[in-house]
Amino acid sequence: MPPRRPDLLPFSPAMANFERSPEEVQEILSKPIQQLGLKLEGSPLERFVQQLYKELDRKGIKQFRPKCYLTDEWGCPNMEPVIGIPFYLADPKLQRLEADMNDIEDAKQIMMYLRHEAGHAFNYAYALFRTKEWSDLFGPFRRPYRDNYKPVPFSRQFVRHMEGWYAQKHPDEDFAETFAVWLTPRSNWRKRYKDWGAMKKLQYMDRIGRRMGNTLPVVEHGLTDITVDEMDQTVGEFYQRALEQQLSPGELPLETDLRDIFNVSRRRRKNVRPAVDLLRANRKVLIDKVNYWTGVQRPLVKKLVETIETKVSDLGLRADTQFDRDYLTEISVYATALAMNYIARGKFILP
């Protein structure tokens, strides 16, 4: 069967972002991913992997170098000491497409995710999760994994590395986040986590790092999940499937609140602009901050912020340019309140 053309894919509003991409980017939508010739070696990703290895070396970890490979998303296959990296980060055109469709990871985020996944790989390579000391500190490894977990915000029993309260999701994630904080250069963890319950986990990691530094892993080679060479769907199909799997905030009755926030008379002509322009110019920082402090999944936060933008645009609301900072403060607090409602009650707004 020939590759499906991107213009035959089921339409969704987010798919319109394809149309904003340059022509040379749109051309790859109909190509099977496995035929793109993507390799980690020589790609923009290679320097990040080498940076990870340097950081391990600086911490005295000499025998552990997890294999990295291109796949469909960040992750470690269960109990396999290897690191999967999203394929779109290996090619500038795919990076542009990902940026148009979702959010592209910047250099800081790539290293954060690499350190986190290296924590999983280290755990599996040395089978730490099988030991009593590990279980006593982090909890039972076999605890059920739940995507919809309810964290305790600001708990000092857990470190903060990735956005949200991710260490609270599962004991395995708790260890991976602890490892990442310990590994991060200039994290100053001894000072930052002084008097926290999480300190005993970091001290454990520090002891284990020294103890295992020159020790060969128990599991030296891991099995990969699906690799980029096995991904036979087209680029367009990959993104359509990802969009279909994303959660949606649904139809939200935001009109009254947004009119209160952007309460500028239509008669005003001076120092005003469309409020949606202000929101679009600050979209990324809004998403970043709401995602980080609430822990709501980033794609859902992005949809929430975009829904607010759409409502503001549809209502024709305007902003007084003298009060841009006030508007952004209020929208940040408003979006955060909606997100925390979602964490507590499973919905942004209750009927």
C-alpha atoms as a PDB file:
ATOM      1  CA  MET A   1       0.000   0.000   0.000  1.00  0.00           C
ATOM      2  CA  PRO A   2       1.458   3.419  -0.897  1.00  0.00           C
ATOM      3  CA  PRO A   3       2.066   5.949   1.908  1.00  0.00           C
ATOM      4  CA  ARG A   4      -1.002   7.902   2.929  1.00  0.00           C
ATOM      5  CA  ARG A   5      -0.926  11.473   1.756  1.00  0.00           C
ATOM      6  CA  PRO A   6      -1.098  14.040   4.575  1.00  0.00           C
ATOM      7  CA  ASP A   7      -4.091  15.723   2.927  1.00  0.00           C
ATOM      8  CA  LEU A   8      -6.035  12.449   3.300  1.00  0.00           C
ATOM      9  CA  LEU A   9      -5.501  12.297   7.049  1.00  0.00           C
ATOM     10  CA  PRO A  10      -8.593  12.919   9.203  1.00  0.00           C
ATOM     11  CA  PHE A  11      -8.729  16.630   9.908  1.00  0.00           C
ATOM     12  CA  SER A  12      -8.471  18.128  13.373  1.00  0.00           C
ATOM     13  CA  PRO A  13      -7.970  21.823  14.242  1.00  0.00           C
ATOM     14  CA  ALA A  14      -4.405  21.234  15.414  1.00  0.00           C
ATOM     15  CA  MET A  15      -3.564  19.659  12.047  1.00  0.00           C
ATOM     16  CA  ALA A  16      -3.896  23.117  10.550  1.00  0.00           C
ATOM     17  CA  ASN A  17      -0.479  23.779  12.066  1.00  0.00           C
ATOM     18  CA  PHE A  18       0.943  21.627   9.249  1.00  0.00           C
ATOM     19  CA  GLU A  19      -0.096  24.335   6.813  1.00  0.00           C
ATOM     20  CA  ARG A  20       2.034  26.924   8.613  1.00  0.00           C
ATOM     21  CA  SER A  21       5.195  24.869   8.209  1.00  0.00           C
ATOM     22  CA  PRO A  22       7.597  25.651   5.337  1.00  0.00           C
ATOM     23  CA  GLU A  23       7.088  23.655   2.146  1.00  0.00           C
ATOM     24  CA  GLU A  24      10.267  21.621   2.675  1.00  0.00           C
ATOM     25  CA  VAL A  25       8.952  20.575   6.103  1.00  0.00           C
ATOM     26  CA  GLN A  26       5.524  19.634   4.745  1.00  0.00           C
ATOM     27  CA  GLU A  27       7.175  17.423   2.123  1.00  0.00           C
ATOM     28  CA  ILE A  28       8.275  14.890   4.759  1.00  0.00           C
ATOM     29  CA  LEU A  29       4.741  14.303   6.079  1.00  0.00           C
ATOM     30  CA  SER A  30       4.050  11.501   3.590  1.00  0.00           C
ATOM     31  CA  LYS A  31       7.383   9.755   4.161  1.00  0.00           C
ATOM     32  CA  PRO A  32       7.629   6.661   6.391  1.00  0.00           C
ATOM     33  CA  ILE A  33       9.762   7.490   9.407  1.00  0.00           C
ATOM     34  CA  GLN A  34      11.974   4.445   8.874  1.00  0.00           C
ATOM     35  CA  GLN A  35      12.932   5.794   5.440  1.00  0.00           C
ATOM     36  CA  LEU A  36      14.200   9.162   6.697  1.00  0.00           C
ATOM     37  CA  GLY A  37      17.664   7.764   7.447  1.00  0.00           C
ATOM     38  CA  LEU A  38      17.700   9.184  10.960  1.00  0.00           C
ATOM     39  CA  LYS A  39      20.757   8.410  13.068  1.00  0.00           C
ATOM     40  CA  LEU A  40      21.784   9.609  16.490  1.00  0.00           C
ATOM     41  CA  GLU A  41      25.433   9.740  15.444  1.00  0.00           C
ATOM     42  CA  GLY A  42      26.167  13.020  13.692  1.00  0.00           C
ATOM     43  CA  SER A  43      22.777  14.471  14.602  1.00  0.00           C
ATOM     44  CA  PRO A  44      22.117  17.523  16.808  1.00  0.00           C
ATOM     45  CA  LEU A  45      21.476  15.057  19.643  1.00  0.00           C
ATOM     46  CA  GLU A  46      24.947  13.562  19.757  1.00  0.00           C
ATOM     47  CA  ARG A  47      26.458  16.384  21.785  1.00  0.00           C
ATOM     48  CA  PHE A  48      23.799  15.977  24.476  1.00  0.00           C
ATOM     49  CA  VAL A  49      24.488  12.270  24.843  1.00  0.00           C
ATOM     50  CA  GLN A  50      28.205  12.998  25.112  1.00  0.00           C
ATOM     51  CA  GLN A  51      27.425  15.642  27.734  1.00  0.00           C
ATOM     52  CA  LEU A  52      25.520  13.021  29.737  1.00  0.00           C
ATOM     53  CA  TYR A  53      28.498  10.663  29.602  1.00  0.00           C
ATOM     54  CA  LYS A  54      30.827  13.472  30.753  1.00  0.00           C
ATOM     55  CA  GLU A  55      28.589  14.221  33.708  1.00  0.00           C
ATOM     56  CA  LEU A  56      28.583  10.543  34.701  1.00  0.00           C
ATOM     57  CA  ASP A  57      32.362  10.517  34.483  1.00  0.00           C
ATOM     58  CA  ARG A  58      32.661  13.618  36.671  1.00  0.00           C
ATOM     59  CA  LYS A  59      30.567  11.874  39.312  1.00  0.00           C
ATOM     60  CA  GLY A  60      33.015   8.958  39.294  1.00  0.00           C
ATOM     61  CA  ILE A  61      30.690   6.599  37.409  1.00  0.00           C
ATOM     62  CA  LYS A  62      33.152   4.974  35.014  1.00  0.00           C
ATOM     63  CA  GLN A  63      31.515   1.695  33.958  1.00  0.00           C
ATOM     64  CA  PHE A  64      27.957   2.801  33.218  1.00  0.00           C
ATOM     65  CA  ARG A  65      27.276   4.277  29.779  1.00  0.00           C
ATOM     66  CA  PRO A  66      23.632   3.652  28.822  1.00  0.00           C
ATOM     67  CA  LYS A  67      22.983   3.086  25.148  1.00  0.00           C
ATOM     68  CA  CYS A  68      20.806   5.793  23.585  1.00  0.00           C
ATOM     69  CA  TYR A  69      18.625   5.204  20.536  1.00  0.00           C
ATOM     70  CA  LEU A  70      15.942   6.984  18.503  1.00  0.00           C
ATOM     71  CA  THR A  71      12.330   5.996  19.086  1.00  0.00           C
ATOM     72  CA  ASP A  72       8.868   7.551  19.361  1.00  0.00           C
ATOM     73  CA  GLU A  73       9.165   9.182  22.815  1.00  0.00           C
ATOM     74  CA  TRP A  74      11.382   9.674  25.838  1.00  0.00           C
ATOM     75  CA  GLY A  75      11.720   6.612  28.029  1.00  0.00           C
ATOM     76  CA  CYS A  76      13.436   3.468  29.227  1.00  0.00           C
ATOM     77  CA  PRO A  77      11.820   0.149  28.299  1.00  0.00           C
ATOM     78  CA  ASN A  78      10.762  -1.578  31.511  1.00  0.00           C
ATOM     79  CA  MET A  79      13.837  -2.742  33.442  1.00  0.00           C
ATOM     80  CA  GLU A  80      16.115  -2.262  30.407  1.00  0.00           C
ATOM     81  CA  PRO A  81      19.190   0.000  30.911  1.00  0.00           C
ATOM     82  CA  VAL A  82      18.821   1.897  27.634  1.00  0.00           C
ATOM     83  CA  ILE A  83      17.481   5.359  26.830  1.00  0.00           C
ATOM     84  CA  GLY A  84      14.948   6.116  24.112  1.00  0.00           C
ATOM     85  CA  ILE A  85      14.998   9.620  22.612  1.00  0.00           C
ATOM     86  CA  PRO A  86      12.263  11.084  20.350  1.00  0.00           C
ATOM     87  CA  PHE A  87      13.252  10.768  16.698  1.00  0.00           C
ATOM     88  CA  TYR A  88      12.174  14.321  15.811  1.00  0.00           C
ATOM     89  CA  LEU A  89      15.098  15.750  17.790  1.00  0.00           C
ATOM     90  CA  ALA A  90      17.572  14.197  15.341  1.00  0.00           C
ATOM     91  CA  ASP A  91      16.610  16.320  12.328  1.00  0.00           C
ATOM     92  CA  PRO A  92      16.149  20.103  11.925  1.00  0.00           C
ATOM     93  CA  LYS A  93      13.065  19.731   9.680  1.00  0.00           C
ATOM     94  CA  LEU A  94      11.380  17.400  12.140  1.00  0.00           C
ATOM     95  CA  GLN A  95      12.270  19.762  14.966  1.00  0.00           C
ATOM     96  CA  ARG A  96      10.472  22.561  13.110  1.00  0.00           C
ATOM     97  CA  LEU A  97       7.439  20.347  12.574  1.00  0.00           C
ATOM     98  CA  GLU A  98       7.351  19.329  16.233  1.00  0.00           C
ATOM     99  CA  ALA A  99       7.595  22.979  17.251  1.00  0.00           C
ATOM    100  CA  ASP A 100       4.596  23.789  15.041  1.00  0.00           C
ATOM    101  CA  MET A 101       2.507  20.872  16.308  1.00  0.00           C
ATOM    102  CA  ASN A 102       3.496  20.778  19.966  1.00  0.00           C
ATOM    103  CA  ASP A 103       6.444  22.245  21.874  1.00  0.00           C
ATOM    104  CA  ILE A 104      10.026  21.398  21.004  1.00  0.00           C
ATOM    105  CA  GLU A 105      12.406  20.645  23.857  1.00  0.00           C
ATOM    106  CA  ASP A 106      15.162  23.210  24.276  1.00  0.00           C
ATOM    107  CA  ALA A 107      18.743  22.323  25.267  1.00  0.00           C
ATOM    108  CA  LYS A 108      17.987  22.607  28.983  1.00  0.00           C
ATOM    109  CA  GLN A 109      14.978  20.306  28.757  1.00  0.00           C
ATOM    110  CA  ILE A 110      16.840  17.721  26.664  1.00  0.00           C
ATOM    111  CA  MET A 111      19.519  17.421  29.347  1.00  0.00           C
ATOM    112  CA  MET A 112      16.882  17.277  32.097  1.00  0.00           C
ATOM    113  CA  TYR A 113      15.132  14.379  30.373  1.00  0.00           C
ATOM    114  CA  LEU A 114      18.410  12.602  29.612  1.00  0.00           C
ATOM    115  CA  ARG A 115      19.466  12.761  33.264  1.00  0.00           C
ATOM    116  CA  HIS A 116      16.066  11.496  34.378  1.00  0.00           C
ATOM    117  CA  GLU A 117      16.101   8.564  31.953  1.00  0.00           C
ATOM    118  CA  ALA A 118      19.706   7.825  32.920  1.00  0.00           C
ATOM    119  CA  GLY A 119      18.395   7.428  36.475  1.00  0.00           C
ATOM    120  CA  HIS A 120      16.004   4.716  35.333  1.00  0.00           C
ATOM    121  CA  ALA A 121      18.770   3.044  33.341  1.00  0.00           C
ATOM    122  CA  PHE A 122      21.167   3.153  36.316  1.00  0.00           C
ATOM    123  CA  ASN A 123      18.510   1.619  38.549  1.00  0.00           C
ATOM    124  CA  TYR A 124      17.986  -1.254  36.083  1.00  0.00           C
ATOM    125  CA  ALA A 125      21.665  -1.714  35.244  1.00  0.00           C
ATOM    126  CA  TYR A 126      22.579  -2.340  38.898  1.00  0.00           C
ATOM    127  CA  ALA A 127      19.229  -3.880  39.902  1.00  0.00           C
ATOM    128  CA  LEU A 128      18.957  -1.434  42.803  1.00  0.00           C
ATOM    129  CA  PHE A 129      15.183  -1.757  42.880  1.00  0.00           C
ATOM    130  CA  ARG A 130      15.550  -5.351  44.073  1.00  0.00           C
ATOM    131  CA  THR A 131      17.328  -4.322  47.281  1.00  0.00           C
ATOM    132  CA  LYS A 132      15.657  -3.725  50.634  1.00  0.00           C
ATOM    133  CA  GLU A 133      17.428  -0.403  51.140  1.00  0.00           C
ATOM    134  CA  TRP A 134      16.017   0.940  47.864  1.00  0.00           C
ATOM    135  CA  SER A 135      12.487  -0.235  48.696  1.00  0.00           C
ATOM    136  CA  ASP A 136      12.660   1.195  52.218  1.00  0.00           C
ATOM    137  CA  LEU A 137      13.581   4.621  50.814  1.00  0.00           C
ATOM    138  CA  PHE A 138      11.526   4.859  47.629  1.00  0.00           C
ATOM    139  CA  GLY A 139       8.746   2.320  48.089  1.00  0.00           C
ATOM    140  CA  PRO A 140       7.821  -0.965  46.384  1.00  0.00           C
ATOM    141  CA  PHE A 141       8.969  -1.134  42.786  1.00  0.00           C
ATOM    142  CA  ARG A 142       5.917  -3.254  41.889  1.00  0.00           C
ATOM    143  CA  ARG A 143       3.474  -0.572  42.992  1.00  0.00           C
ATOM    144  CA  PRO A 144       0.884  -0.038  40.224  1.00  0.00           C
ATOM    145  CA  TYR A 145       1.778   2.716  37.788  1.00  0.00           C
ATOM    146  CA  ARG A 146      -0.931   5.364  37.470  1.00  0.00           C
ATOM    147  CA  ASP A 147      -0.912   8.212  34.973  1.00  0.00           C
ATOM    148  CA  ASN A 148      -3.568  10.095  36.922  1.00  0.00           C
ATOM    149  CA  TYR A 149      -1.833  10.382  40.264  1.00  0.00           C
ATOM    150  CA  LYS A 150      -2.640  13.027  42.864  1.00  0.00           C
ATOM    151  CA  PRO A 151       0.564  14.558  44.209  1.00  0.00           C
ATOM    152  CA  VAL A 152       1.016  16.469  47.439  1.00  0.00           C
ATOM    153  CA  PRO A 153       2.265  19.867  46.224  1.00  0.00           C
ATOM    154  CA  PHE A 154       5.429  21.152  47.919  1.00  0.00           C
ATOM    155  CA  SER A 155       6.069  17.911  49.802  1.00  0.00           C
ATOM    156  CA  ARG A 156       9.655  17.910  51.054  1.00  0.00           C
ATOM    157  CA  GLN A 157       9.849  14.141  50.892  1.00  0.00           C
ATOM    158  CA  PHE A 158      10.596  14.387  47.156  1.00  0.00           C
ATOM    159  CA  VAL A 159      13.091  16.298  45.009  1.00  0.00           C
ATOM    160  CA  ARG A 160      12.023  18.654  42.218  1.00  0.00           C
ATOM    161  CA  HIS A 161      13.664  18.136  38.843  1.00  0.00           C
ATOM    162  CA  MET A 162      11.202  17.820  35.982  1.00  0.00           C
ATOM    163  CA  GLU A 163       8.039  19.876  35.770  1.00  0.00           C
ATOM    164  CA  GLY A 164       5.248  19.228  38.219  1.00  0.00           C
ATOM    165  CA  TRP A 165       5.637  16.858  41.147  1.00  0.00           C
ATOM    166  CA  TYR A 166       6.809  13.970  38.988  1.00  0.00           C
ATOM    167  CA  ALA A 167       8.829  12.182  41.687  1.00  0.00           C
ATOM    168  CA  GLN A 168       5.531  11.409  43.434  1.00  0.00           C
ATOM    169  CA  LYS A 169       4.184   9.411  40.518  1.00  0.00           C
ATOM    170  CA  HIS A 170       5.907   6.102  41.366  1.00  0.00           C
ATOM    171  CA  PRO A 171       8.928   4.858  43.379  1.00  0.00           C
ATOM    172  CA  ASP A 172      10.826   4.310  40.118  1.00  0.00           C
ATOM    173  CA  GLU A 173      10.192   7.941  39.116  1.00  0.00           C
ATOM    174  CA  ASP A 174      11.195   9.078  42.598  1.00  0.00           C
ATOM    175  CA  PHE A 175      14.572   7.403  42.185  1.00  0.00           C
ATOM    176  CA  ALA A 176      15.063   8.709  38.629  1.00  0.00           C
ATOM    177  CA  GLU A 177      14.341  12.269  39.763  1.00  0.00           C
ATOM    178  CA  THR A 178      16.695  11.863  42.746  1.00  0.00           C
ATOM    179  CA  PHE A 179      19.426  10.558  40.443  1.00  0.00           C
ATOM    180  CA  ALA A 180      18.904  13.485  38.040  1.00  0.00           C
ATOM    181  CA  VAL A 181      19.207  16.097  40.806  1.00  0.00           C
ATOM    182  CA  TRP A 182      22.352  14.386  42.135  1.00  0.00           C
ATOM    183  CA  LEU A 183      23.872  14.234  38.633  1.00  0.00           C
ATOM    184  CA  THR A 184      23.060  17.781  37.513  1.00  0.00           C
ATOM    185  CA  PRO A 185      26.145  20.030  37.603  1.00  0.00           C
ATOM    186  CA  ARG A 186      25.907  22.868  40.124  1.00  0.00           C
ATOM    187  CA  SER A 187      22.565  21.622  41.455  1.00  0.00           C
ATOM    188  CA  ASN A 188      23.885  22.384  44.941  1.00  0.00           C
ATOM    189  CA  TRP A 189      21.664  19.615  46.294  1.00  0.00           C
ATOM    190  CA  ARG A 190      23.263  19.496  49.738  1.00  0.00           C
ATOM    191  CA  LYS A 191      22.257  23.096  50.401  1.00  0.00           C
ATOM    192  CA  ARG A 192      18.985  23.174  48.484  1.00  0.00           C
ATOM    193  CA  TYR A 193      17.577  20.060  50.167  1.00  0.00           C
ATOM    194  CA  LYS A 194      18.983  20.641  53.637  1.00  0.00           C
ATOM    195  CA  ASP A 195      16.435  19.567  56.283  1.00  0.00           C
ATOM    196  CA  TRP A 196      14.193  17.988  53.626  1.00  0.00           C
ATOM    197  CA  GLY A 197      13.000  14.399  53.950  1.00  0.00           C
ATOM    198  CA  ALA A 198      14.325  13.930  50.411  1.00  0.00           C
ATOM    199  CA  MET A 199      17.890  14.445  51.670  1.00  0.00           C
ATOM    200  CA  LYS A 200      18.203  10.828  52.823  1.00  0.00           C
ATOM    201  CA  LYS A 201      17.416   9.714  49.251  1.00  0.00           C
ATOM    202  CA  LEU A 202      20.088  12.005  47.831  1.00  0.00           C
ATOM    203  CA  GLN A 203      22.614  10.782  50.387  1.00  0.00           C
ATOM    204  CA  TYR A 204      21.770   7.210  49.419  1.00  0.00           C
ATOM    205  CA  MET A 205      22.361   8.102  45.766  1.00  0.00           C
ATOM    206  CA  ASP A 206      25.691   9.678  46.649  1.00  0.00           C
ATOM    207  CA  ARG A 207      26.795   6.525  48.494  1.00  0.00           C
ATOM    208  CA  ILE A 208      25.618   4.248  45.694  1.00  0.00           C
ATOM    209  CA  GLY A 209      27.344   6.387  43.074  1.00  0.00           C
ATOM    210  CA  ARG A 210      30.676   6.040  44.850  1.00  0.00           C
ATOM    211  CA  ARG A 211      30.155   2.364  45.532  1.00  0.00           C
ATOM    212  CA  MET A 212      29.170   1.457  41.973  1.00  0.00           C
ATOM    213  CA  GLY A 213      31.484   3.888  40.183  1.00  0.00           C
ATOM    214  CA  ASN A 214      34.030   1.307  39.062  1.00  0.00           C
ATOM    215  CA  THR A 215      31.698  -1.696  39.161  1.00  0.00           C
ATOM    216  CA  LEU A 216      30.406  -3.286  35.985  1.00  0.00           C
ATOM    217  CA  PRO A 217      26.598  -3.236  35.740  1.00  0.00           C
ATOM    218  CA  VAL A 218      24.685  -6.395  36.578  1.00  0.00           C
ATOM    219  CA  VAL A 219      22.797  -5.861  33.322  1.00  0.00           C
ATOM    220  CA  GLU A 220      25.282  -4.461  30.813  1.00  0.00           C
ATOM    221  CA  HIS A 221      23.135  -4.529  27.673  1.00  0.00           C
ATOM    222  CA  GLY A 222      19.442  -3.767  27.436  1.00  0.00           C
ATOM    223  CA  LEU A 223      16.817  -4.468  24.818  1.00  0.00           C
ATOM    224  CA  THR A 224      15.384  -1.477  22.988  1.00  0.00           C
ATOM    225  CA  ASP A 225      11.741  -0.758  22.424  1.00  0.00           C
ATOM    226  CA  ILE A 226      10.662   0.108  18.871  1.00  0.00           C
ATOM    227  CA  THR A 227      13.517   1.827  17.051  1.00  0.00           C
ATOM    228  CA  VAL A 228      13.325   4.510  14.406  1.00  0.00           C
ATOM    229  CA  ASP A 229      14.270   1.923  11.777  1.00  0.00           C
ATOM    230  CA  GLU A 230      11.147  -0.060  12.664  1.00  0.00           C
ATOM    231  CA  MET A 231       8.694   2.847  12.569  1.00  0.00           C
ATOM    232  CA  ASP A 232       6.794   2.255   9.324  1.00  0.00           C
ATOM    233  CA  GLN A 233       4.090   4.908   9.770  1.00  0.00           C
ATOM    234  CA  THR A 234       4.485   8.176   7.928  1.00  0.00           C
ATOM    235  CA  VAL A 235       5.419  11.366   9.751  1.00  0.00           C
ATOM    236  CA  GLY A 236       1.889  12.686   9.163  1.00  0.00           C
ATOM    237  CA  GLU A 237       0.326   9.536  10.595  1.00  0.00           C
ATOM    238  CA  PHE A 238       2.562   9.751  13.649  1.00  0.00           C
ATOM    239  CA  TYR A 239       1.391  13.280  14.420  1.00  0.00           C
ATOM    240  CA  GLN A 240      -2.251  12.530  13.676  1.00  0.00           C
ATOM    241  CA  ARG A 241      -2.177   9.605  16.101  1.00  0.00           C
ATOM    242  CA  ALA A 242      -0.467  11.751  18.738  1.00  0.00           C
ATOM    243  CA  LEU A 243      -3.147  14.421  18.374  1.00  0.00           C
ATOM    244  CA  GLU A 244      -5.930  11.860  18.699  1.00  0.00           C
ATOM    245  CA  GLN A 245      -4.423  10.566  21.946  1.00  0.00           C
ATOM    246  CA  GLN A 246      -4.112  13.983  23.559  1.00  0.00           C
ATOM    247  CA  LEU A 247      -6.544  14.910  26.274  1.00  0.00           C
ATOM    248  CA  SER A 248      -8.764  17.888  25.626  1.00  0.00           C
ATOM    249  CA  PRO A 249     -10.041  20.407  28.172  1.00  0.00           C
ATOM    250  CA  GLY A 250     -13.385  20.318  26.378  1.00  0.00           C
ATOM    251  CA  GLU A 251     -15.762  23.222  26.123  1.00  0.00           C
ATOM    252  CA  LEU A 252     -15.039  25.563  29.017  1.00  0.00           C
ATOM    253  CA  PRO A 253     -17.340  28.442  30.097  1.00  0.00           C
ATOM    254  CA  LEU A 254     -14.605  31.054  30.426  1.00  0.00           C
ATOM    255  CA  GLU A 255     -16.355  34.043  28.912  1.00  0.00           C
ATOM    256  CA  THR A 256     -17.395  35.831  32.115  1.00  0.00           C
ATOM    257  CA  ASP A 257     -14.000  35.441  33.764  1.00  0.00           C
ATOM    258  CA  LEU A 258     -12.067  36.596  30.719  1.00  0.00           C
ATOM    259  CA  ARG A 259     -14.284  39.636  30.280  1.00  0.00           C
ATOM    260  CA  ASP A 260     -13.528  40.539  33.907  1.00  0.00           C
ATOM    261  CA  ILE A 261      -9.785  40.208  33.326  1.00  0.00           C
ATOM    262  CA  PHE A 262      -9.685  42.168  30.063  1.00  0.00           C
ATOM    263  CA  ASN A 263     -12.211  44.831  31.016  1.00  0.00           C
ATOM    264  CA  VAL A 264     -11.378  47.532  28.481  1.00  0.00           C
ATOM    265  CA  SER A 265     -14.120  49.656  26.977  1.00  0.00           C
ATOM    266  CA  ARG A 266     -14.641  49.247  23.247  1.00  0.00           C
ATOM    267  CA  ARG A 267     -14.655  53.035  23.022  1.00  0.00           C
ATOM    268  CA  ARG A 268     -11.007  53.223  24.030  1.00  0.00           C
ATOM    269  CA  ARG A 269      -8.690  53.952  21.117  1.00  0.00           C
ATOM    270  CA  LYS A 270      -5.403  54.804  22.841  1.00  0.00           C
ATOM    271  CA  ASN A 271      -2.866  52.339  24.290  1.00  0.00           C
ATOM    272  CA  VAL A 272      -4.939  49.273  23.467  1.00  0.00           C
ATOM    273  CA  ARG A 273      -4.338  46.141  21.415  1.00  0.00           C
ATOM    274  CA  PRO A 274      -6.055  42.771  20.953  1.00  0.00           C
ATOM    275  CA  ALA A 275      -5.626  40.847  24.201  1.00  0.00           C
ATOM    276  CA  VAL A 276      -4.940  37.659  22.248  1.00  0.00           C
ATOM    277  CA  ASP A 277      -1.718  39.228  20.905  1.00  0.00           C
ATOM    278  CA  LEU A 278      -0.437  39.613  24.469  1.00  0.00           C
ATOM    279  CA  LEU A 279      -1.298  35.978  25.276  1.00  0.00           C
ATOM    280  CA  ARG A 280       0.260  34.574  22.113  1.00  0.00           C
ATOM    281  CA  ALA A 281       3.484  36.494  22.717  1.00  0.00           C
ATOM    282  CA  ASN A 282       3.738  34.924  26.166  1.00  0.00           C
ATOM    283  CA  ARG A 283       2.276  31.491  25.411  1.00  0.00           C
ATOM    284  CA  LYS A 284       5.374  29.424  26.061  1.00  0.00           C
ATOM    285  CA  VAL A 285       6.213  30.969  29.412  1.00  0.00           C
ATOM    286  CA  LEU A 286       2.577  30.574  30.532  1.00  0.00           C
ATOM    287  CA  ILE A 287       2.590  26.899  29.573  1.00  0.00           C
ATOM    288  CA  ASP A 288       6.010  26.350  31.163  1.00  0.00           C
ATOM    289  CA  LYS A 289       5.073  27.881  34.500  1.00  0.00           C
ATOM    290  CA  VAL A 290       1.587  26.392  34.842  1.00  0.00           C
ATOM    291  CA  ASN A 291       2.939  22.976  33.878  1.00  0.00           C
ATOM    292  CA  TYR A 292       5.881  23.213  36.285  1.00  0.00           C
ATOM    293  CA  TRP A 293       3.971  24.370  39.350  1.00  0.00           C
ATOM    294  CA  THR A 294       0.796  22.298  38.926  1.00  0.00           C
ATOM    295  CA  GLY A 295       2.079  19.055  37.432  1.00  0.00           C
ATOM    296  CA  VAL A 296      -0.810  18.833  34.947  1.00  0.00           C
ATOM    297  CA  GLN A 297       0.403  17.111  31.760  1.00  0.00           C
ATOM    298  CA  ARG A 298       2.073  19.594  29.449  1.00  0.00           C
ATOM    299  CA  PRO A 299      -0.095  18.793  26.370  1.00  0.00           C
ATOM    300  CA  LEU A 300      -3.213  19.431  28.446  1.00  0.00           C
ATOM    301  CA  VAL A 301      -1.843  22.706  29.847  1.00  0.00           C
ATOM    302  CA  LYS A 302      -1.004  23.735  26.289  1.00  0.00           C
ATOM    303  CA  LYS A 303      -4.584  22.978  25.215  1.00  0.00           C
ATOM    304  CA  LEU A 304      -5.920  24.961  28.177  1.00  0.00           C
ATOM    305  CA  VAL A 305      -3.811  28.023  27.327  1.00  0.00           C
ATOM    306  CA  GLU A 306      -4.794  27.753  23.657  1.00  0.00           C
ATOM    307  CA  THR A 307      -8.474  27.488  24.669  1.00  0.00           C
ATOM    308  CA  ILE A 308      -8.116  30.697  26.689  1.00  0.00           C
ATOM    309  CA  GLU A 309      -6.487  32.384  23.675  1.00  0.00           C
ATOM    310  CA  THR A 310      -9.297  31.264  21.378  1.00  0.00           C
ATOM    311  CA  LYS A 311     -11.979  32.525  23.757  1.00  0.00           C
ATOM    312  CA  VAL A 312     -10.229  35.882  24.135  1.00  0.00           C
ATOM    313  CA  SER A 313      -9.976  36.192  20.343  1.00  0.00           C
ATOM    314  CA  ASP A 314     -13.599  35.161  19.716  1.00  0.00           C
ATOM    315  CA  LEU A 315     -14.828  37.666  22.284  1.00  0.00           C
ATOM    316  CA  GLY A 316     -12.753  40.437  20.701  1.00  0.00           C
ATOM    317  CA  LEU A 317     -11.276  41.373  24.073  1.00  0.00           C
ATOM    318  CA  ARG A 318      -8.665  44.104  24.247  1.00  0.00           C
ATOM    319  CA  ALA A 319      -5.803  44.923  26.597  1.00  0.00           C
ATOM    320  CA  ASP A 320      -4.537  48.252  27.865  1.00  0.00           C
ATOM    321  CA  THR A 321      -0.810  48.138  27.057  1.00  0.00           C
ATOM    322  CA  GLN A 322      -0.004  50.030  30.270  1.00  0.00           C
ATOM    323  CA  PHE A 323      -1.106  47.024  32.300  1.00  0.00           C
ATOM    324  CA  ASP A 324       0.453  44.102  30.401  1.00  0.00           C
ATOM    325  CA  ARG A 325       2.218  42.821  33.514  1.00  0.00           C
ATOM    326  CA  ASP A 326      -1.031  42.874  35.508  1.00  0.00           C
ATOM    327  CA  TYR A 327      -2.866  40.933  32.789  1.00  0.00           C
ATOM    328  CA  LEU A 328      -0.159  38.268  32.613  1.00  0.00           C
ATOM    329  CA  THR A 329      -0.123  37.905  36.381  1.00  0.00           C
ATOM    330  CA  GLU A 330      -3.881  37.467  36.494  1.00  0.00           C
ATOM    331  CA  ILE A 331      -3.990  35.018  33.575  1.00  0.00           C
ATOM    332  CA  SER A 332      -1.164  32.980  35.138  1.00  0.00           C
ATOM    333  CA  VAL A 333      -3.023  32.745  38.443  1.00  0.00           C
ATOM    334  CA  TYR A 334      -6.303  32.015  36.643  1.00  0.00           C
ATOM    335  CA  ALA A 335      -4.840  29.198  34.538  1.00  0.00           C
ATOM    336  CA  THR A 336      -3.068  27.784  37.597  1.00  0.00           C
ATOM    337  CA  ALA A 337      -6.341  27.774  39.563  1.00  0.00           C
ATOM    338  CA  LEU A 338      -8.052  25.901  36.717  1.00  0.00           C
ATOM    339  CA  ALA A 339      -5.183  23.411  36.544  1.00  0.00           C
ATOM    340  CA  MET A 340      -5.235  22.769  40.303  1.00  0.00           C
ATOM    341  CA  ASN A 341      -8.976  22.202  40.091  1.00  0.00           C
ATOM    342  CA  TYR A 342      -8.209  19.564  37.479  1.00  0.00           C
ATOM    343  CA  ILE A 343      -5.676  17.913  39.814  1.00  0.00           C
ATOM    344  CA  ALA A 344      -8.095  17.883  42.744  1.00  0.00           C
ATOM    345  CA  ARG A 345     -11.375  17.117  40.988  1.00  0.00           C
ATOM    346  CA  GLY A 346     -10.532  15.765  37.546  1.00  0.00           C
ATOM    347  CA  LYS A 347     -12.083  18.716  35.704  1.00  0.00           C
ATOM    348  CA  PHE A 348     -11.046  22.299  35.074  1.00  0.00           C
ATOM    349  CA  ILE A 349     -14.538  23.624  35.809  1.00  0.00           C
ATOM    350  CA  LEU A 350     -17.299  21.719  37.564  1.00  0.00           C
ATOM    351  CA  PRO A 351     -20.889  22.074  36.344  1.00  0.00           C
END
